[in-house]
C-alpha cells in the first residue's frame, strides 16, 4: 500500500494536477484554499488507497490546515493524461 499515493503525491509536487469542479465547490464551501490542499499533500497521511476506483484510481489523504483542523482530500490519478486530480475535500467530523 502506498504506491498509488506516491505517484499522486509526486504529480502534485511537480504541479501536474487539476482541480475538479466538485472539489472547487467543496473547497469554497469549507473555506479551504486550493494551495492548502496542494501543500497538504507533502505531509499528508494516507488513509486509504483505492486502485480499483472508477473511473480513476484514487487515494484518501488526511491533511491539515494551518490552524490544525484536519480534513480528508480525495485525489485521483488520471492515467491517460498523466495528472493528478483533486476530487473532493471534507472535514473529518463529517462536514
PDB file of N, CA and C in Angstrom:
ATOM      1  N   UNK A   1       0.837  -1.182   0.000  1.00  0.00           N
ATOM      2  CA  UNK A   1       0.000   0.000   0.000  1.00  0.00           C
ATOM      3  C   UNK A   1       0.878   1.240   0.000  1.00  0.00           C
ATOM      4  N   UNK A   2       0.499   2.232  -0.770  1.00  0.00           N
ATOM      5  CA  UNK A   2       1.243   3.468  -0.812  1.00  0.00           C
ATOM      6  C   UNK A   2       1.823   3.807  -2.161  1.00  0.00           C
ATOM      7  N   UNK A   3       1.869   2.832  -3.070  1.00  0.00           N
ATOM      8  CA  UNK A   3       2.464   3.095  -4.382  1.00  0.00           C
ATOM      9  C   UNK A   3       1.659   4.132  -5.156  1.00  0.00           C
ATOM     10  N   UNK A   4       0.355   3.995  -5.199  1.00  0.00           N
ATOM     11  CA  UNK A   4      -0.505   4.959  -5.881  1.00  0.00           C
ATOM     12  C   UNK A   4      -0.392   6.329  -5.209  1.00  0.00           C
ATOM     13  N   UNK A   5      -0.364   6.325  -3.884  1.00  0.00           N
ATOM     14  CA  UNK A   5      -0.196   7.559  -3.122  1.00  0.00           C
ATOM     15  C   UNK A   5       1.096   8.252  -3.523  1.00  0.00           C
ATOM     16  N   UNK A   6       2.185   7.499  -3.636  1.00  0.00           N
ATOM     17  CA  UNK A   6       3.472   8.076  -4.026  1.00  0.00           C
ATOM     18  C   UNK A   6       3.407   8.690  -5.416  1.00  0.00           C
ATOM     19  N   UNK A   7       2.737   8.017  -6.342  1.00  0.00           N
ATOM     20  CA  UNK A   7       2.603   8.538  -7.712  1.00  0.00           C
ATOM     21  C   UNK A   7       1.829   9.853  -7.699  1.00  0.00           C
ATOM     22  N   UNK A   8       0.701   9.870  -7.007  1.00  0.00           N
ATOM     23  CA  UNK A   8      -0.128  11.075  -6.978  1.00  0.00           C
ATOM     24  C   UNK A   8       0.600  12.206  -6.253  1.00  0.00           C
ATOM     25  N   UNK A   9       1.240  11.897  -5.151  1.00  0.00           N
ATOM     26  CA  UNK A   9       1.974  12.937  -4.421  1.00  0.00           C
ATOM     27  C   UNK A   9       3.070  13.546  -5.295  1.00  0.00           C
ATOM     28  N   UNK A  10       3.749  12.711  -6.061  1.00  0.00           N
ATOM     29  CA  UNK A  10       4.804  13.212  -6.950  1.00  0.00           C
ATOM     30  C   UNK A  10       4.224  14.118  -8.032  1.00  0.00           C
ATOM     31  N   UNK A  11       3.096  13.713  -8.617  1.00  0.00           N
ATOM     32  CA  UNK A  11       2.454  14.553  -9.640  1.00  0.00           C
ATOM     33  C   UNK A  11       2.064  15.904  -9.063  1.00  0.00           C
ATOM     34  N   UNK A  12       1.508  15.906  -7.865  1.00  0.00           N
ATOM     35  CA  UNK A  12       1.122  17.162  -7.220  1.00  0.00           C
ATOM     36  C   UNK A  12       2.360  18.016  -6.960  1.00  0.00           C
ATOM     37  N   UNK A  13       3.427  17.405  -6.469  1.00  0.00           N
ATOM     38  CA  UNK A  13       4.671  18.138  -6.196  1.00  0.00           C
ATOM     39  C   UNK A  13       5.234  18.774  -7.462  1.00  0.00           C
ATOM     40  N   UNK A  14       5.028  18.108  -8.592  1.00  0.00           N
ATOM     41  CA  UNK A  14       5.507  18.619  -9.884  1.00  0.00           C
ATOM     42  C   UNK A  14       4.508  19.582 -10.520  1.00  0.00           C
ATOM     43  N   UNK A  15       3.440  19.915  -9.773  1.00  0.00           N
ATOM     44  CA  UNK A  15       2.373  20.803 -10.254  1.00  0.00           C
ATOM     45  C   UNK A  15       1.677  20.250 -11.490  1.00  0.00           C
ATOM     46  N   UNK A  16       1.574  18.933 -11.539  1.00  0.00           N
ATOM     47  CA  UNK A  16       0.876  18.257 -12.630  1.00  0.00           C
ATOM     48  C   UNK A  16      -0.445  17.730 -12.082  1.00  0.00           C
ATOM     49  N   UNK A  17      -1.339  18.672 -11.777  1.00  0.00           N
ATOM     50  CA  UNK A  17      -2.625  18.321 -11.201  1.00  0.00           C
ATOM     51  C   UNK A  17      -3.698  19.276 -11.706  1.00  0.00           C
ATOM     52  N   UNK A  18      -4.930  18.840 -11.565  1.00  0.00           N
ATOM     53  CA  UNK A  18      -6.086  19.683 -11.863  1.00  0.00           C
ATOM     54  C   UNK A  18      -7.031  19.597 -10.668  1.00  0.00           C
ATOM     55  N   UNK A  19      -7.926  20.558 -10.596  1.00  0.00           N
ATOM     56  CA  UNK A  19      -8.930  20.572  -9.536  1.00  0.00           C
ATOM     57  C   UNK A  19     -10.289  20.447 -10.208  1.00  0.00           C
ATOM     58  N   UNK A  20     -11.005  19.391  -9.869  1.00  0.00           N
ATOM     59  CA  UNK A  20     -12.317  19.160 -10.455  1.00  0.00           C
ATOM     60  C   UNK A  20     -13.333  20.195  -9.983  1.00  0.00           C
ATOM     61  N   UNK A  21     -14.414  20.322 -10.735  1.00  0.00           N
ATOM     62  CA  UNK A  21     -15.478  21.271 -10.395  1.00  0.00           C
ATOM     63  C   UNK A  21     -16.049  20.980  -9.007  1.00  0.00           C
ATOM     64  N   UNK A  22     -16.314  19.712  -8.721  1.00  0.00           N
ATOM     65  CA  UNK A  22     -16.851  19.339  -7.414  1.00  0.00           C
ATOM     66  C   UNK A  22     -15.894  19.762  -6.304  1.00  0.00           C
ATOM     67  N   UNK A  23     -14.605  19.486  -6.481  1.00  0.00           N
ATOM     68  CA  UNK A  23     -13.612  19.854  -5.473  1.00  0.00           C
ATOM     69  C   UNK A  23     -13.550  21.366  -5.306  1.00  0.00           C
ATOM     70  N   UNK A  24     -13.616  22.077  -6.403  1.00  0.00           N
ATOM     71  CA  UNK A  24     -13.594  23.537  -6.340  1.00  0.00           C
ATOM     72  C   UNK A  24     -14.753  24.072  -5.498  1.00  0.00           C
ATOM     73  N   UNK A  25     -15.929  23.499  -5.695  1.00  0.00           N
ATOM     74  CA  UNK A  25     -17.102  23.911  -4.923  1.00  0.00           C
ATOM     75  C   UNK A  25     -16.941  23.556  -3.447  1.00  0.00           C
ATOM     76  N   UNK A  26     -16.421  22.364  -3.157  1.00  0.00           N
ATOM     77  CA  UNK A  26     -16.245  21.948  -1.760  1.00  0.00           C
ATOM     78  C   UNK A  26     -15.178  22.801  -1.064  1.00  0.00           C
ATOM     79  N   UNK A  27     -14.099  23.123  -1.784  1.00  0.00           N
ATOM     80  CA  UNK A  27     -13.071  23.992  -1.207  1.00  0.00           C
ATOM     81  C   UNK A  27     -13.683  25.327  -0.799  1.00  0.00           C
ATOM     82  N   UNK A  28     -14.473  25.905  -1.686  1.00  0.00           N
ATOM     83  CA  UNK A  28     -15.099  27.193  -1.406  1.00  0.00           C
ATOM     84  C   UNK A  28     -16.063  27.090  -0.221  1.00  0.00           C
ATOM     85  N   UNK A  29     -16.900  26.063  -0.216  1.00  0.00           N
ATOM     86  CA  UNK A  29     -17.859  25.863   0.881  1.00  0.00           C
ATOM     87  C   UNK A  29     -17.176  25.747   2.232  1.00  0.00           C
ATOM     88  N   UNK A  30     -16.006  25.130   2.240  1.00  0.00           N
ATOM     89  CA  UNK A  30     -15.341  24.824   3.505  1.00  0.00           C
ATOM     90  C   UNK A  30     -14.215  25.793   3.834  1.00  0.00           C
ATOM     91  N   UNK A  31     -14.118  26.860   3.053  1.00  0.00           N
ATOM     92  CA  UNK A  31     -13.087  27.882   3.275  1.00  0.00           C
ATOM     93  C   UNK A  31     -11.678  27.299   3.310  1.00  0.00           C
ATOM     94  N   UNK A  32     -11.425  26.370   2.401  1.00  0.00           N
ATOM     95  CA  UNK A  32     -10.091  25.806   2.223  1.00  0.00           C
ATOM     96  C   UNK A  32      -9.569  26.342   0.895  1.00  0.00           C
ATOM     97  N   UNK A  33      -8.376  26.874   0.915  1.00  0.00           N
ATOM     98  CA  UNK A  33      -7.778  27.398  -0.310  1.00  0.00           C
ATOM     99  C   UNK A  33      -7.151  26.239  -1.101  1.00  0.00           C
ATOM    100  N   UNK A  34      -7.171  26.356  -2.412  1.00  0.00           N
ATOM    101  CA  UNK A  34      -6.578  25.304  -3.255  1.00  0.00           C
ATOM    102  C   UNK A  34      -5.138  25.034  -2.852  1.00  0.00           C
ATOM    103  N   UNK A  35      -4.373  26.090  -2.618  1.00  0.00           N
ATOM    104  CA  UNK A  35      -2.957  25.906  -2.275  1.00  0.00           C
ATOM    105  C   UNK A  35      -2.796  25.094  -0.998  1.00  0.00           C
ATOM    106  N   UNK A  36      -3.764  25.206  -0.077  1.00  0.00           N
ATOM    107  CA  UNK A  36      -3.676  24.459   1.172  1.00  0.00           C
ATOM    108  C   UNK A  36      -3.841  22.957   0.913  1.00  0.00           C
ATOM    109  N   UNK A  37      -4.754  22.605   0.029  1.00  0.00           N
ATOM    110  CA  UNK A  37      -4.942  21.196  -0.315  1.00  0.00           C
ATOM    111  C   UNK A  37      -3.715  20.654  -1.040  1.00  0.00           C
ATOM    112  N   UNK A  38      -3.131  21.474  -1.894  1.00  0.00           N
ATOM    113  CA  UNK A  38      -1.935  21.059  -2.631  1.00  0.00           C
ATOM    114  C   UNK A  38      -0.756  20.913  -1.674  1.00  0.00           C
ATOM    115  N   UNK A  39      -0.528  21.921  -0.836  1.00  0.00           N
ATOM    116  CA  UNK A  39       0.586  21.880   0.117  1.00  0.00           C
ATOM    117  C   UNK A  39       0.396  20.755   1.129  1.00  0.00           C
ATOM    118  N   UNK A  40      -0.854  20.444   1.460  1.00  0.00           N
ATOM    119  CA  UNK A  40      -1.139  19.404   2.429  1.00  0.00           C
ATOM    120  C   UNK A  40      -0.726  18.016   1.982  1.00  0.00           C
ATOM    121  N   UNK A  41      -0.576  17.830   0.695  1.00  0.00           N
ATOM    122  CA  UNK A  41      -0.156  16.509   0.190  1.00  0.00           C
ATOM    123  C   UNK A  41       1.250  16.159   0.639  1.00  0.00           C
ATOM    124  N   UNK A  42       2.105  17.155   0.782  1.00  0.00           N
ATOM    125  CA  UNK A  42       3.500  16.889   1.126  1.00  0.00           C
ATOM    126  C   UNK A  42       3.617  16.135   2.446  1.00  0.00           C
ATOM    127  N   UNK A  43       2.863  16.566   3.442  1.00  0.00           N
ATOM    128  CA  UNK A  43       2.908  15.924   4.753  1.00  0.00           C
ATOM    129  C   UNK A  43       1.653  15.114   5.040  1.00  0.00           C
ATOM    130  N   UNK A  44       0.824  14.925   4.022  1.00  0.00           N
ATOM    131  CA  UNK A  44      -0.431  14.214   4.213  1.00  0.00           C
ATOM    132  C   UNK A  44      -0.221  12.761   4.601  1.00  0.00           C
ATOM    133  N   UNK A  45      -1.212  12.235   5.297  1.00  0.00           N
ATOM    134  CA  UNK A  45      -1.163  10.851   5.762  1.00  0.00           C
ATOM    135  C   UNK A  45      -2.177  10.025   4.968  1.00  0.00           C
ATOM    136  N   UNK A  46      -1.713   8.974   4.367  1.00  0.00           N
ATOM    137  CA  UNK A  46      -2.577   8.103   3.588  1.00  0.00           C
ATOM    138  C   UNK A  46      -3.613   7.439   4.486  1.00  0.00           C
ATOM    139  N   UNK A  47      -4.881   7.610   4.146  1.00  0.00           N
ATOM    140  CA  UNK A  47      -5.968   6.950   4.863  1.00  0.00           C
ATOM    141  C   UNK A  47      -6.334   5.656   4.142  1.00  0.00           C
ATOM    142  N   UNK A  48      -6.511   5.770   2.827  1.00  0.00           N
ATOM    143  CA  UNK A  48      -6.908   4.602   2.026  1.00  0.00           C
ATOM    144  C   UNK A  48      -6.446   4.780   0.597  1.00  0.00           C
ATOM    145  N   UNK A  49      -6.136   3.662  -0.015  1.00  0.00           N
ATOM    146  CA  UNK A  49      -5.768   3.641  -1.423  1.00  0.00           C
ATOM    147  C   UNK A  49      -6.814   2.792  -2.133  1.00  0.00           C
ATOM    148  N   UNK A  50      -7.378   3.333  -3.207  1.00  0.00           N
ATOM    149  CA  UNK A  50      -8.416   2.618  -3.942  1.00  0.00           C
ATOM    150  C   UNK A  50      -7.985   2.469  -5.413  1.00  0.00           C
ATOM    151  N   UNK A  51      -7.103   1.524  -5.681  1.00  0.00           N
ATOM    152  CA  UNK A  51      -6.590   1.368  -7.049  1.00  0.00           C
ATOM    153  C   UNK A  51      -7.652   0.946  -8.056  1.00  0.00           C
ATOM    154  N   UNK A  52      -8.747   0.341  -7.568  1.00  0.00           N
ATOM    155  CA  UNK A  52      -9.798  -0.127  -8.480  1.00  0.00           C
ATOM    156  C   UNK A  52     -10.969   0.843  -8.581  1.00  0.00           C
ATOM    157  N   UNK A  53     -10.836   2.026  -7.988  1.00  0.00           N
ATOM    158  CA  UNK A  53     -11.926   3.015  -8.029  1.00  0.00           C
ATOM    159  C   UNK A  53     -12.207   3.408  -9.474  1.00  0.00           C
ATOM    160  N   UNK A  54     -13.465   3.661  -9.747  1.00  0.00           N
ATOM    161  CA  UNK A  54     -13.878   4.063 -11.097  1.00  0.00           C
ATOM    162  C   UNK A  54     -14.388   5.494 -11.054  1.00  0.00           C
ATOM    163  N   UNK A  55     -14.092   6.323 -12.019  1.00  0.00           N
ATOM    164  CA  UNK A  55     -13.404   5.961 -13.255  1.00  0.00           C
ATOM    165  C   UNK A  55     -11.879   5.974 -13.158  1.00  0.00           C
ATOM    166  N   UNK A  56     -11.323   6.442 -12.022  1.00  0.00           N
ATOM    167  CA  UNK A  56      -9.865   6.520 -11.891  1.00  0.00           C
ATOM    168  C   UNK A  56      -9.431   6.053 -10.501  1.00  0.00           C
ATOM    169  N   UNK A  57      -8.246   5.438 -10.407  1.00  0.00           N
ATOM    170  CA  UNK A  57      -7.739   5.044  -9.104  1.00  0.00           C
ATOM    171  C   UNK A  57      -7.605   6.279  -8.209  1.00  0.00           C
ATOM    172  N   UNK A  58      -7.861   6.094  -6.910  1.00  0.00           N
ATOM    173  CA  UNK A  58      -7.890   7.246  -6.014  1.00  0.00           C
ATOM    174  C   UNK A  58      -7.253   6.930  -4.670  1.00  0.00           C
ATOM    175  N   UNK A  59      -6.873   7.998  -3.977  1.00  0.00           N
ATOM    176  CA  UNK A  59      -6.370   7.895  -2.613  1.00  0.00           C
ATOM    177  C   UNK A  59      -7.129   8.883  -1.734  1.00  0.00           C
ATOM    178  N   UNK A  60      -7.282   8.512  -0.479  1.00  0.00           N
ATOM    179  CA  UNK A  60      -7.852   9.401   0.526  1.00  0.00           C
ATOM    180  C   UNK A  60      -6.704   9.799   1.436  1.00  0.00           C
ATOM    181  N   UNK A  61      -6.551  11.104   1.644  1.00  0.00           N
ATOM    182  CA  UNK A  61      -5.402  11.617   2.383  1.00  0.00           C
ATOM    183  C   UNK A  61      -5.871  12.520   3.520  1.00  0.00           C
ATOM    184  N   UNK A  62      -5.344  12.290   4.720  1.00  0.00           N
ATOM    185  CA  UNK A  62      -5.611  13.163   5.864  1.00  0.00           C
ATOM    186  C   UNK A  62      -4.642  14.342   5.746  1.00  0.00           C
ATOM    187  N   UNK A  63      -5.200  15.532   5.635  1.00  0.00           N
ATOM    188  CA  UNK A  63      -4.406  16.746   5.535  1.00  0.00           C
ATOM    189  C   UNK A  63      -4.811  17.686   6.661  1.00  0.00           C
ATOM    190  N   UNK A  64      -3.999  18.702   6.912  1.00  0.00           N
ATOM    191  CA  UNK A  64      -4.283  19.646   7.989  1.00  0.00           C
ATOM    192  C   UNK A  64      -4.171  21.074   7.495  1.00  0.00           C
ATOM    193  N   UNK A  65      -5.048  21.922   8.021  1.00  0.00           N
ATOM    194  CA  UNK A  65      -4.982  23.358   7.768  1.00  0.00           C
ATOM    195  C   UNK A  65      -3.966  23.968   8.737  1.00  0.00           C
ATOM    196  N   UNK A  66      -3.508  25.187   8.483  1.00  0.00           N
ATOM    197  CA  UNK A  66      -2.531  25.817   9.377  1.00  0.00           C
ATOM    198  C   UNK A  66      -2.980  25.878  10.842  1.00  0.00           C
ATOM    199  N   UNK A  67      -4.291  25.948  11.088  1.00  0.00           N
ATOM    200  CA  UNK A  67      -4.776  26.004  12.476  1.00  0.00           C
ATOM    201  C   UNK A  67      -4.908  24.618  13.107  1.00  0.00           C
ATOM    202  N   UNK A  68      -4.506  23.574  12.379  1.00  0.00           N
ATOM    203  CA  UNK A  68      -4.543  22.221  12.904  1.00  0.00           C
ATOM    204  C   UNK A  68      -5.803  21.436  12.560  1.00  0.00           C
ATOM    205  N   UNK A  69      -6.792  22.091  11.958  1.00  0.00           N
ATOM    206  CA  UNK A  69      -8.017  21.408  11.563  1.00  0.00           C
ATOM    207  C   UNK A  69      -7.689  20.350  10.514  1.00  0.00           C
ATOM    208  N   UNK A  70      -8.117  19.122  10.760  1.00  0.00           N
ATOM    209  CA  UNK A  70      -7.852  18.035   9.823  1.00  0.00           C
ATOM    210  C   UNK A  70      -9.023  17.844   8.879  1.00  0.00           C
ATOM    211  N   UNK A  71      -8.715  17.471   7.655  1.00  0.00           N
ATOM    212  CA  UNK A  71      -9.732  17.180   6.655  1.00  0.00           C
ATOM    213  C   UNK A  71      -9.221  16.080   5.746  1.00  0.00           C
ATOM    214  N   UNK A  72     -10.139  15.488   5.017  1.00  0.00           N
ATOM    215  CA  UNK A  72      -9.776  14.442   4.066  1.00  0.00           C
ATOM    216  C   UNK A  72      -9.836  15.012   2.659  1.00  0.00           C
ATOM    217  N   UNK A  73      -8.788  14.759   1.899  1.00  0.00           N
ATOM    218  CA  UNK A  73      -8.754  15.132   0.492  1.00  0.00           C
ATOM    219  C   UNK A  73      -8.729  13.839  -0.324  1.00  0.00           C
ATOM    220  N   UNK A  74      -9.541  13.781  -1.355  1.00  0.00           N
ATOM    221  CA  UNK A  74      -9.546  12.636  -2.250  1.00  0.00           C
ATOM    222  C   UNK A  74      -8.900  13.080  -3.560  1.00  0.00           C
ATOM    223  N   UNK A  75      -7.840  12.393  -3.914  1.00  0.00           N
ATOM    224  CA  UNK A  75      -7.094  12.662  -5.143  1.00  0.00           C
ATOM    225  C   UNK A  75      -7.173  11.432  -6.038  1.00  0.00           C
ATOM    226  N   UNK A  76      -7.292  11.651  -7.329  1.00  0.00           N
ATOM    227  CA  UNK A  76      -7.282  10.521  -8.259  1.00  0.00           C
ATOM    228  C   UNK A  76      -6.133  10.677  -9.247  1.00  0.00           C
ATOM    229  N   UNK A  77      -5.820   9.579  -9.920  1.00  0.00           N
ATOM    230  CA  UNK A  77      -4.754   9.572 -10.918  1.00  0.00           C
ATOM    231  C   UNK A  77      -5.389   9.390 -12.291  1.00  0.00           C
ATOM    232  N   UNK A  78      -5.292  10.418 -13.111  1.00  0.00           N
ATOM    233  CA  UNK A  78      -5.810  10.345 -14.477  1.00  0.00           C
ATOM    234  C   UNK A  78      -4.679   9.796 -15.349  1.00  0.00           C
ATOM    235  N   UNK A  79      -4.669   8.506 -15.503  1.00  0.00           N
ATOM    236  CA  UNK A  79      -3.546   7.843 -16.182  1.00  0.00           C
ATOM    237  C   UNK A  79      -3.383   8.279 -17.631  1.00  0.00           C
ATOM    238  N   UNK A  80      -4.494   8.490 -18.325  1.00  0.00           N
ATOM    239  CA  UNK A  80      -4.402   8.849 -19.749  1.00  0.00           C
ATOM    240  C   UNK A  80      -3.658  10.158 -19.961  1.00  0.00           C
ATOM    241  N   UNK A  81      -3.863  11.102 -19.057  1.00  0.00           N
ATOM    242  CA  UNK A  81      -3.219  12.407 -19.207  1.00  0.00           C
ATOM    243  C   UNK A  81      -2.011  12.576 -18.301  1.00  0.00           C
ATOM    244  N   UNK A  82      -1.800  11.639 -17.396  1.00  0.00           N
ATOM    245  CA  UNK A  82      -0.640  11.692 -16.513  1.00  0.00           C
ATOM    246  C   UNK A  82      -0.689  12.812 -15.495  1.00  0.00           C
ATOM    247  N   UNK A  83      -1.882  13.113 -15.006  1.00  0.00           N
ATOM    248  CA  UNK A  83      -2.017  14.151 -13.992  1.00  0.00           C
ATOM    249  C   UNK A  83      -2.814  13.613 -12.808  1.00  0.00           C
ATOM    250  N   UNK A  84      -2.675  14.307 -11.684  1.00  0.00           N
ATOM    251  CA  UNK A  84      -3.486  14.024 -10.504  1.00  0.00           C
ATOM    252  C   UNK A  84      -4.687  14.962 -10.547  1.00  0.00           C
ATOM    253  N   UNK A  85      -5.779  14.545  -9.906  1.00  0.00           N
ATOM    254  CA  UNK A  85      -6.983  15.380  -9.859  1.00  0.00           C
ATOM    255  C   UNK A  85      -7.497  15.410  -8.423  1.00  0.00           C
ATOM    256  N   UNK A  86      -7.705  16.633  -7.925  1.00  0.00           N
ATOM    257  CA  UNK A  86      -8.353  16.768  -6.621  1.00  0.00           C
ATOM    258  C   UNK A  86      -9.840  16.565  -6.856  1.00  0.00           C
ATOM    259  N   UNK A  87     -10.398  15.534  -6.239  1.00  0.00           N
ATOM    260  CA  UNK A  87     -11.788  15.147  -6.467  1.00  0.00           C
ATOM    261  C   UNK A  87     -12.728  15.840  -5.482  1.00  0.00           C
ATOM    262  N   UNK A  88     -12.360  15.830  -4.193  1.00  0.00           N
ATOM    263  CA  UNK A  88     -13.197  16.460  -3.173  1.00  0.00           C
ATOM    264  C   UNK A  88     -12.402  16.643  -1.900  1.00  0.00           C
ATOM    265  N   UNK A  89     -12.949  17.447  -1.007  1.00  0.00           N
ATOM    266  CA  UNK A  89     -12.393  17.610   0.339  1.00  0.00           C
ATOM    267  C   UNK A  89     -13.562  17.665   1.322  1.00  0.00           C
ATOM    268  N   UNK A  90     -13.359  17.128   2.517  1.00  0.00           N
ATOM    269  CA  UNK A  90     -14.345  17.326   3.562  1.00  0.00           C
ATOM    270  C   UNK A  90     -13.699  17.153   4.926  1.00  0.00           C
ATOM    271  N   UNK A  91     -14.271  17.824   5.914  1.00  0.00           N
ATOM    272  CA  UNK A  91     -13.745  17.755   7.264  1.00  0.00           C
ATOM    273  C   UNK A  91     -14.004  16.369   7.837  1.00  0.00           C
ATOM    274  N   UNK A  92     -13.117  15.919   8.675  1.00  0.00           N
ATOM    275  CA  UNK A  92     -13.222  14.574   9.221  1.00  0.00           C
ATOM    276  C   UNK A  92     -14.382  14.414  10.188  1.00  0.00           C
ATOM    277  N   UNK A  93     -14.953  15.534  10.654  1.00  0.00           N
ATOM    278  CA  UNK A  93     -16.118  15.447  11.532  1.00  0.00           C
ATOM    279  C   UNK A  93     -17.412  15.303  10.743  1.00  0.00           C
ATOM    280  N   UNK A  94     -17.298  15.167   9.412  1.00  0.00           N
ATOM    281  CA  UNK A  94     -18.472  14.910   8.577  1.00  0.00           C
ATOM    282  C   UNK A  94     -18.997  16.117   7.817  1.00  0.00           C
ATOM    283  N   UNK A  95     -18.443  17.294   8.051  1.00  0.00           N
ATOM    284  CA  UNK A  95     -18.899  18.497   7.321  1.00  0.00           C
ATOM    285  C   UNK A  95     -18.275  18.581   5.950  1.00  0.00           C
TER     286      UNK A  95
END
